[in-house]
């Protein structure tokens, strides 16, 4: 979305974070998005957006530490888990 403004992108990502497939991930990703997305640079936002494409069951397993996330997402998943008070 090359013509999308930063403000619109942040709003869209917040909405996707709060309206997941499971309530657990809503409660993990929603507050993280509200608190952290505005400080992320474009590359970090692109990674976050890519992570949002994953299914909620995998995301929850990664955030909860039940399974390891893909190498490219490890730092972001750890940051999300810390924000949620999981680790």
PDB file of N, CA and C in Angstrom:
ATOM      1  N   UNK A   1       0.830  -1.183   0.000  1.00  0.00           N
ATOM      2  CA  UNK A   1       0.000   0.000   0.000  1.00  0.00           C
ATOM      3  C   UNK A   1       0.872   1.244   0.000  1.00  0.00           C
ATOM      4  N   UNK A   2       1.437   1.530  -1.122  1.00  0.00           N
ATOM      5  CA  UNK A   2       2.386   2.631  -1.247  1.00  0.00           C
ATOM      6  C   UNK A   2       1.748   3.990  -0.989  1.00  0.00           C
ATOM      7  N   UNK A   3       0.458   4.152  -1.255  1.00  0.00           N
ATOM      8  CA  UNK A   3      -0.182   5.443  -1.065  1.00  0.00           C
ATOM      9  C   UNK A   3      -0.824   5.586   0.311  1.00  0.00           C
ATOM     10  N   UNK A   4      -0.739   4.594   1.118  1.00  0.00           N
ATOM     11  CA  UNK A   4      -1.333   4.625   2.450  1.00  0.00           C
ATOM     12  C   UNK A   4      -0.506   5.533   3.368  1.00  0.00           C
ATOM     13  N   UNK A   5      -1.151   6.429   4.077  1.00  0.00           N
ATOM     14  CA  UNK A   5      -0.436   7.291   5.019  1.00  0.00           C
ATOM     15  C   UNK A   5      -0.039   6.486   6.250  1.00  0.00           C
ATOM     16  N   UNK A   6       0.954   6.974   6.948  1.00  0.00           N
ATOM     17  CA  UNK A   6       1.390   6.304   8.176  1.00  0.00           C
ATOM     18  C   UNK A   6       0.235   6.221   9.178  1.00  0.00           C
ATOM     19  N   UNK A   7      -0.504   7.308   9.318  1.00  0.00           N
ATOM     20  CA  UNK A   7      -1.623   7.341  10.258  1.00  0.00           C
ATOM     21  C   UNK A   7      -2.660   6.270   9.912  1.00  0.00           C
ATOM     22  N   UNK A   8      -2.972   6.138   8.635  1.00  0.00           N
ATOM     23  CA  UNK A   8      -3.942   5.131   8.213  1.00  0.00           C
ATOM     24  C   UNK A   8      -3.393   3.720   8.448  1.00  0.00           C
ATOM     25  N   UNK A   9      -2.123   3.534   8.163  1.00  0.00           N
ATOM     26  CA  UNK A   9      -1.506   2.219   8.370  1.00  0.00           C
ATOM     27  C   UNK A   9      -1.561   1.829   9.846  1.00  0.00           C
ATOM     28  N   UNK A  10      -1.219   2.752  10.725  1.00  0.00           N
ATOM     29  CA  UNK A  10      -1.258   2.464  12.160  1.00  0.00           C
ATOM     30  C   UNK A  10      -2.674   2.117  12.601  1.00  0.00           C
ATOM     31  N   UNK A  11      -3.643   2.851  12.111  1.00  0.00           N
ATOM     32  CA  UNK A  11      -5.036   2.584  12.462  1.00  0.00           C
ATOM     33  C   UNK A  11      -5.443   1.190  11.987  1.00  0.00           C
ATOM     34  N   UNK A  12      -5.069   0.857  10.757  1.00  0.00           N
ATOM     35  CA  UNK A  12      -5.401  -0.463  10.200  1.00  0.00           C
ATOM     36  C   UNK A  12      -4.745  -1.586  11.003  1.00  0.00           C
ATOM     37  N   UNK A  13      -3.469  -1.414  11.362  1.00  0.00           N
ATOM     38  CA  UNK A  13      -2.768  -2.441  12.136  1.00  0.00           C
ATOM     39  C   UNK A  13      -3.336  -2.572  13.546  1.00  0.00           C
ATOM     40  N   UNK A  14      -3.723  -1.465  14.145  1.00  0.00           N
ATOM     41  CA  UNK A  14      -4.366  -1.544  15.472  1.00  0.00           C
ATOM     42  C   UNK A  14      -5.673  -2.329  15.379  1.00  0.00           C
ATOM     43  N   UNK A  15      -6.452  -2.033  14.353  1.00  0.00           N
ATOM     44  CA  UNK A  15      -7.728  -2.736  14.174  1.00  0.00           C
ATOM     45  C   UNK A  15      -7.481  -4.234  14.003  1.00  0.00           C
ATOM     46  N   UNK A  16      -6.521  -4.595  13.173  1.00  0.00           N
ATOM     47  CA  UNK A  16      -6.204  -6.019  12.967  1.00  0.00           C
ATOM     48  C   UNK A  16      -5.682  -6.669  14.242  1.00  0.00           C
ATOM     49  N   UNK A  17      -5.045  -5.893  15.094  1.00  0.00           N
ATOM     50  CA  UNK A  17      -4.510  -6.427  16.347  1.00  0.00           C
ATOM     51  C   UNK A  17      -5.627  -6.693  17.354  1.00  0.00           C
ATOM     52  N   UNK A  18      -6.633  -5.844  17.372  1.00  0.00           N
ATOM     53  CA  UNK A  18      -7.737  -5.986  18.314  1.00  0.00           C
ATOM     54  C   UNK A  18      -8.823  -6.933  17.826  1.00  0.00           C
ATOM     55  N   UNK A  19      -8.869  -7.213  16.547  1.00  0.00           N
ATOM     56  CA  UNK A  19      -9.926  -8.057  15.992  1.00  0.00           C
ATOM     57  C   UNK A  19      -9.322  -9.306  15.355  1.00  0.00           C
ATOM     58  N   UNK A  20      -8.780 -10.142  16.206  1.00  0.00           N
ATOM     59  CA  UNK A  20      -8.148 -11.382  15.779  1.00  0.00           C
ATOM     60  C   UNK A  20      -9.183 -12.498  15.760  1.00  0.00           C
ATOM     61  N   UNK A  21      -8.741 -13.727  15.594  1.00  0.00           N
ATOM     62  CA  UNK A  21      -9.657 -14.865  15.613  1.00  0.00           C
ATOM     63  C   UNK A  21      -9.936 -15.387  17.005  1.00  0.00           C
ATOM     64  N   UNK A  22      -9.065 -15.059  17.955  1.00  0.00           N
ATOM     65  CA  UNK A  22      -9.259 -15.528  19.324  1.00  0.00           C
ATOM     66  C   UNK A  22      -9.159 -14.356  20.287  1.00  0.00           C
ATOM     67  N   UNK A  23      -9.917 -14.425  21.341  1.00  0.00           N
ATOM     68  CA  UNK A  23      -9.915 -13.362  22.357  1.00  0.00           C
ATOM     69  C   UNK A  23      -8.544 -13.244  23.018  1.00  0.00           C
ATOM     70  N   UNK A  24      -7.877 -14.381  23.210  1.00  0.00           N
ATOM     71  CA  UNK A  24      -6.546 -14.353  23.836  1.00  0.00           C
ATOM     72  C   UNK A  24      -5.588 -13.464  23.046  1.00  0.00           C
ATOM     73  N   UNK A  25      -5.590 -13.626  21.727  1.00  0.00           N
ATOM     74  CA  UNK A  25      -4.678 -12.817  20.917  1.00  0.00           C
ATOM     75  C   UNK A  25      -5.144 -11.374  20.823  1.00  0.00           C
ATOM     76  N   UNK A  26      -6.452 -11.124  20.881  1.00  0.00           N
ATOM     77  CA  UNK A  26      -6.944  -9.745  20.970  1.00  0.00           C
ATOM     78  C   UNK A  26      -6.326  -9.063  22.189  1.00  0.00           C
ATOM     79  N   UNK A  27      -6.329  -9.776  23.309  1.00  0.00           N
ATOM     80  CA  UNK A  27      -5.859  -9.198  24.567  1.00  0.00           C
ATOM     81  C   UNK A  27      -4.341  -9.080  24.654  1.00  0.00           C
ATOM     82  N   UNK A  28      -3.632  -9.818  23.830  1.00  0.00           N
ATOM     83  CA  UNK A  28      -2.173  -9.707  23.774  1.00  0.00           C
ATOM     84  C   UNK A  28      -1.762  -8.647  22.762  1.00  0.00           C
ATOM     85  N   UNK A  29      -2.285  -8.745  21.545  1.00  0.00           N
ATOM     86  CA  UNK A  29      -1.841  -7.853  20.470  1.00  0.00           C
ATOM     87  C   UNK A  29      -2.467  -6.463  20.523  1.00  0.00           C
ATOM     88  N   UNK A  30      -3.704  -6.367  20.978  1.00  0.00           N
ATOM     89  CA  UNK A  30      -4.362  -5.064  21.030  1.00  0.00           C
ATOM     90  C   UNK A  30      -3.619  -4.050  21.889  1.00  0.00           C
ATOM     91  N   UNK A  31      -3.363  -4.364  23.145  1.00  0.00           N
ATOM     92  CA  UNK A  31      -2.630  -3.413  23.986  1.00  0.00           C
ATOM     93  C   UNK A  31      -1.216  -3.141  23.475  1.00  0.00           C
ATOM     94  N   UNK A  32      -0.565  -4.162  22.931  1.00  0.00           N
ATOM     95  CA  UNK A  32       0.769  -3.950  22.362  1.00  0.00           C
ATOM     96  C   UNK A  32       0.686  -2.947  21.224  1.00  0.00           C
ATOM     97  N   UNK A  33      -0.278  -3.133  20.340  1.00  0.00           N
ATOM     98  CA  UNK A  33      -0.430  -2.219  19.201  1.00  0.00           C
ATOM     99  C   UNK A  33      -0.693  -0.798  19.682  1.00  0.00           C
ATOM    100  N   UNK A  34      -1.589  -0.646  20.645  1.00  0.00           N
ATOM    101  CA  UNK A  34      -1.903   0.688  21.159  1.00  0.00           C
ATOM    102  C   UNK A  34      -0.678   1.375  21.746  1.00  0.00           C
ATOM    103  N   UNK A  35       0.146   0.614  22.434  1.00  0.00           N
ATOM    104  CA  UNK A  35       1.290   1.191  23.142  1.00  0.00           C
ATOM    105  C   UNK A  35       2.545   1.334  22.296  1.00  0.00           C
ATOM    106  N   UNK A  36       2.734   0.469  21.308  1.00  0.00           N
ATOM    107  CA  UNK A  36       4.048   0.375  20.673  1.00  0.00           C
ATOM    108  C   UNK A  36       4.119   0.691  19.178  1.00  0.00           C
ATOM    109  N   UNK A  37       3.041   0.537  18.456  1.00  0.00           N
ATOM    110  CA  UNK A  37       3.137   0.676  16.999  1.00  0.00           C
ATOM    111  C   UNK A  37       3.580   2.062  16.556  1.00  0.00           C
ATOM    112  N   UNK A  38       3.126   3.093  17.223  1.00  0.00           N
ATOM    113  CA  UNK A  38       3.453   4.451  16.772  1.00  0.00           C
ATOM    114  C   UNK A  38       4.944   4.751  16.858  1.00  0.00           C
ATOM    115  N   UNK A  39       5.677   4.018  17.690  1.00  0.00           N
ATOM    116  CA  UNK A  39       7.121   4.232  17.819  1.00  0.00           C
ATOM    117  C   UNK A  39       7.937   3.370  16.861  1.00  0.00           C
ATOM    118  N   UNK A  40       7.288   2.477  16.131  1.00  0.00           N
ATOM    119  CA  UNK A  40       8.000   1.572  15.226  1.00  0.00           C
ATOM    120  C   UNK A  40       8.342   2.272  13.914  1.00  0.00           C
ATOM    121  N   UNK A  41       9.492   1.903  13.355  1.00  0.00           N
ATOM    122  CA  UNK A  41       9.877   2.436  12.049  1.00  0.00           C
ATOM    123  C   UNK A  41       9.198   1.596  10.956  1.00  0.00           C
ATOM    124  N   UNK A  42       9.280   2.034   9.700  1.00  0.00           N
ATOM    125  CA  UNK A  42       8.588   1.306   8.619  1.00  0.00           C
ATOM    126  C   UNK A  42       8.976  -0.173   8.494  1.00  0.00           C
ATOM    127  N   UNK A  43      10.231  -0.505   8.717  1.00  0.00           N
ATOM    128  CA  UNK A  43      10.642  -1.911   8.635  1.00  0.00           C
ATOM    129  C   UNK A  43      10.027  -2.730   9.756  1.00  0.00           C
ATOM    130  N   UNK A  44       9.974  -2.176  10.955  1.00  0.00           N
ATOM    131  CA  UNK A  44       9.360  -2.876  12.084  1.00  0.00           C
ATOM    132  C   UNK A  44       7.862  -3.051  11.849  1.00  0.00           C
ATOM    133  N   UNK A  45       7.218  -2.023  11.295  1.00  0.00           N
ATOM    134  CA  UNK A  45       5.795  -2.143  10.993  1.00  0.00           C
ATOM    135  C   UNK A  45       5.541  -3.220   9.945  1.00  0.00           C
ATOM    136  N   UNK A  46       6.420  -3.306   8.950  1.00  0.00           N
ATOM    137  CA  UNK A  46       6.277  -4.337   7.917  1.00  0.00           C
ATOM    138  C   UNK A  46       6.405  -5.731   8.534  1.00  0.00           C
ATOM    139  N   UNK A  47       7.333  -5.899   9.466  1.00  0.00           N
ATOM    140  CA  UNK A  47       7.501  -7.184  10.141  1.00  0.00           C
ATOM    141  C   UNK A  47       6.270  -7.505  10.981  1.00  0.00           C
ATOM    142  N   UNK A  48       5.765  -6.516  11.701  1.00  0.00           N
ATOM    143  CA  UNK A  48       4.558  -6.710  12.509  1.00  0.00           C
ATOM    144  C   UNK A  48       3.385  -7.112  11.619  1.00  0.00           C
ATOM    145  N   UNK A  49       3.260  -6.416  10.497  1.00  0.00           N
ATOM    146  CA  UNK A  49       2.179  -6.729   9.566  1.00  0.00           C
ATOM    147  C   UNK A  49       2.317  -8.149   9.024  1.00  0.00           C
ATOM    148  N   UNK A  50       3.539  -8.557   8.724  1.00  0.00           N
ATOM    149  CA  UNK A  50       3.773  -9.924   8.259  1.00  0.00           C
ATOM    150  C   UNK A  50       3.393 -10.933   9.348  1.00  0.00           C
ATOM    151  N   UNK A  51       3.724 -10.605  10.589  1.00  0.00           N
ATOM    152  CA  UNK A  51       3.390 -11.492  11.692  1.00  0.00           C
ATOM    153  C   UNK A  51       1.870 -11.639  11.841  1.00  0.00           C
ATOM    154  N   UNK A  52       1.135 -10.558  11.581  1.00  0.00           N
ATOM    155  CA  UNK A  52      -0.320 -10.613  11.707  1.00  0.00           C
ATOM    156  C   UNK A  52      -0.959 -11.581  10.717  1.00  0.00           C
ATOM    157  N   UNK A  53      -0.231 -11.962   9.691  1.00  0.00           N
ATOM    158  CA  UNK A  53      -0.745 -12.929   8.712  1.00  0.00           C
ATOM    159  C   UNK A  53      -0.754 -14.352   9.273  1.00  0.00           C
ATOM    160  N   UNK A  54      -0.014 -14.591  10.335  1.00  0.00           N
ATOM    161  CA  UNK A  54       0.044 -15.925  10.940  1.00  0.00           C
ATOM    162  C   UNK A  54      -1.266 -16.231  11.660  1.00  0.00           C
ATOM    163  N   UNK A  55      -1.553 -17.505  11.802  1.00  0.00           N
ATOM    164  CA  UNK A  55      -2.796 -17.854  12.499  1.00  0.00           C
ATOM    165  C   UNK A  55      -2.636 -17.683  14.009  1.00  0.00           C
ATOM    166  N   UNK A  56      -3.746 -17.456  14.671  1.00  0.00           N
ATOM    167  CA  UNK A  56      -3.731 -17.139  16.100  1.00  0.00           C
ATOM    168  C   UNK A  56      -3.198 -18.273  16.969  1.00  0.00           C
ATOM    169  N   UNK A  57      -3.448 -19.498  16.569  1.00  0.00           N
ATOM    170  CA  UNK A  57      -2.973 -20.622  17.385  1.00  0.00           C
ATOM    171  C   UNK A  57      -1.445 -20.671  17.395  1.00  0.00           C
ATOM    172  N   UNK A  58      -0.826 -20.440  16.250  1.00  0.00           N
ATOM    173  CA  UNK A  58       0.634 -20.384  16.205  1.00  0.00           C
ATOM    174  C   UNK A  58       1.154 -19.178  16.979  1.00  0.00           C
ATOM    175  N   UNK A  59       0.533 -18.020  16.761  1.00  0.00           N
ATOM    176  CA  UNK A  59       0.971 -16.812  17.476  1.00  0.00           C
ATOM    177  C   UNK A  59       0.904 -17.005  18.982  1.00  0.00           C
ATOM    178  N   UNK A  60      -0.188 -17.580  19.454  1.00  0.00           N
ATOM    179  CA  UNK A  60      -0.326 -17.785  20.894  1.00  0.00           C
ATOM    180  C   UNK A  60       0.735 -18.746  21.419  1.00  0.00           C
ATOM    181  N   UNK A  61       1.000 -19.796  20.674  1.00  0.00           N
ATOM    182  CA  UNK A  61       2.043 -20.745  21.090  1.00  0.00           C
ATOM    183  C   UNK A  61       3.396 -20.061  21.155  1.00  0.00           C
ATOM    184  N   UNK A  62       3.679 -19.184  20.214  1.00  0.00           N
ATOM    185  CA  UNK A  62       4.962 -18.471  20.215  1.00  0.00           C
ATOM    186  C   UNK A  62       5.047 -17.490  21.371  1.00  0.00           C
ATOM    187  N   UNK A  63       4.002 -16.697  21.552  1.00  0.00           N
ATOM    188  CA  UNK A  63       4.010 -15.677  22.607  1.00  0.00           C
ATOM    189  C   UNK A  63       4.052 -16.321  23.986  1.00  0.00           C
ATOM    190  N   UNK A  64       3.359 -17.433  24.150  1.00  0.00           N
ATOM    191  CA  UNK A  64       3.320 -18.105  25.450  1.00  0.00           C
ATOM    192  C   UNK A  64       4.558 -18.952  25.716  1.00  0.00           C
ATOM    193  N   UNK A  65       5.411 -19.107  24.715  1.00  0.00           N
ATOM    194  CA  UNK A  65       6.627 -19.896  24.893  1.00  0.00           C
ATOM    195  C   UNK A  65       6.435 -21.383  24.705  1.00  0.00           C
ATOM    196  N   UNK A  66       5.272 -21.807  24.250  1.00  0.00           N
ATOM    197  CA  UNK A  66       5.028 -23.240  24.038  1.00  0.00           C
ATOM    198  C   UNK A  66       5.749 -23.770  22.816  1.00  0.00           C
ATOM    199  N   UNK A  67       6.037 -22.884  21.860  1.00  0.00           N
ATOM    200  CA  UNK A  67       6.838 -23.275  20.704  1.00  0.00           C
ATOM    201  C   UNK A  67       7.646 -22.065  20.245  1.00  0.00           C
ATOM    202  N   UNK A  68       8.692 -22.349  19.505  1.00  0.00           N
ATOM    203  CA  UNK A  68       9.590 -21.276  19.054  1.00  0.00           C
ATOM    204  C   UNK A  68       9.056 -20.627  17.782  1.00  0.00           C
ATOM    205  N   UNK A  69       9.077 -19.303  17.738  1.00  0.00           N
ATOM    206  CA  UNK A  69       8.660 -18.623  16.507  1.00  0.00           C
ATOM    207  C   UNK A  69       9.731 -18.752  15.436  1.00  0.00           C
ATOM    208  N   UNK A  70       9.376 -18.475  14.193  1.00  0.00           N
ATOM    209  CA  UNK A  70      10.398 -18.454  13.140  1.00  0.00           C
ATOM    210  C   UNK A  70      11.491 -17.443  13.492  1.00  0.00           C
ATOM    211  N   UNK A  71      12.691 -17.699  13.054  1.00  0.00           N
ATOM    212  CA  UNK A  71      13.837 -16.867  13.417  1.00  0.00           C
ATOM    213  C   UNK A  71      13.596 -15.386  13.156  1.00  0.00           C
ATOM    214  N   UNK A  72      12.974 -15.040  12.049  1.00  0.00           N
ATOM    215  CA  UNK A  72      12.763 -13.644  11.708  1.00  0.00           C
ATOM    216  C   UNK A  72      11.771 -12.926  12.605  1.00  0.00           C
ATOM    217  N   UNK A  73      10.984 -13.682  13.353  1.00  0.00           N
ATOM    218  CA  UNK A  73       9.969 -13.079  14.224  1.00  0.00           C
ATOM    219  C   UNK A  73      10.330 -13.156  15.704  1.00  0.00           C
ATOM    220  N   UNK A  74      11.422 -13.790  16.040  1.00  0.00           N
ATOM    221  CA  UNK A  74      11.740 -14.038  17.458  1.00  0.00           C
ATOM    222  C   UNK A  74      11.804 -12.779  18.298  1.00  0.00           C
ATOM    223  N   UNK A  75      12.512 -11.775  17.826  1.00  0.00           N
ATOM    224  CA  UNK A  75      12.660 -10.554  18.614  1.00  0.00           C
ATOM    225  C   UNK A  75      11.306  -9.868  18.822  1.00  0.00           C
ATOM    226  N   UNK A  76      10.526  -9.783  17.778  1.00  0.00           N
ATOM    227  CA  UNK A  76       9.212  -9.143  17.875  1.00  0.00           C
ATOM    228  C   UNK A  76       8.292  -9.926  18.806  1.00  0.00           C
ATOM    229  N   UNK A  77       8.256 -11.225  18.668  1.00  0.00           N
ATOM    230  CA  UNK A  77       7.404 -12.059  19.528  1.00  0.00           C
ATOM    231  C   UNK A  77       7.839 -11.919  20.988  1.00  0.00           C
ATOM    232  N   UNK A  78       9.126 -11.887  21.237  1.00  0.00           N
ATOM    233  CA  UNK A  78       9.620 -11.713  22.611  1.00  0.00           C
ATOM    234  C   UNK A  78       9.183 -10.357  23.172  1.00  0.00           C
ATOM    235  N   UNK A  79       9.265  -9.328  22.344  1.00  0.00           N
ATOM    236  CA  UNK A  79       8.850  -7.987  22.766  1.00  0.00           C
ATOM    237  C   UNK A  79       7.353  -7.961  23.097  1.00  0.00           C
ATOM    238  N   UNK A  80       6.553  -8.622  22.280  1.00  0.00           N
ATOM    239  CA  UNK A  80       5.118  -8.687  22.521  1.00  0.00           C
ATOM    240  C   UNK A  80       4.836  -9.450  23.828  1.00  0.00           C
ATOM    241  N   UNK A  81       5.508 -10.576  24.024  1.00  0.00           N
ATOM    242  CA  UNK A  81       5.313 -11.368  25.243  1.00  0.00           C
ATOM    243  C   UNK A  81       5.713 -10.564  26.477  1.00  0.00           C
ATOM    244  N   UNK A  82       6.804  -9.831  26.401  1.00  0.00           N
ATOM    245  CA  UNK A  82       7.218  -9.005  27.532  1.00  0.00           C
ATOM    246  C   UNK A  82       6.197  -7.926  27.815  1.00  0.00           C
ATOM    247  N   UNK A  83       5.691  -7.307  26.781  1.00  0.00           N
ATOM    248  CA  UNK A  83       4.675  -6.255  26.968  1.00  0.00           C
ATOM    249  C   UNK A  83       3.436  -6.817  27.630  1.00  0.00           C
ATOM    250  N   UNK A  84       3.067  -8.060  27.283  1.00  0.00           N
ATOM    251  CA  UNK A  84       1.889  -8.699  27.852  1.00  0.00           C
ATOM    252  C   UNK A  84       2.152  -9.275  29.242  1.00  0.00           C
ATOM    253  N   UNK A  85       3.400  -9.223  29.695  1.00  0.00           N
ATOM    254  CA  UNK A  85       3.745  -9.757  31.000  1.00  0.00           C
ATOM    255  C   UNK A  85       3.838 -11.264  31.024  1.00  0.00           C
ATOM    256  N   UNK A  86       4.040 -11.864  29.872  1.00  0.00           N
ATOM    257  CA  UNK A  86       4.104 -13.329  29.774  1.00  0.00           C
ATOM    258  C   UNK A  86       5.505 -13.839  30.084  1.00  0.00           C
ATOM    259  N   UNK A  87       6.522 -13.076  29.720  1.00  0.00           N
ATOM    260  CA  UNK A  87       7.894 -13.525  30.021  1.00  0.00           C
ATOM    261  C   UNK A  87       8.585 -12.539  30.922  1.00  0.00           C
TER     262      UNK A  87
END
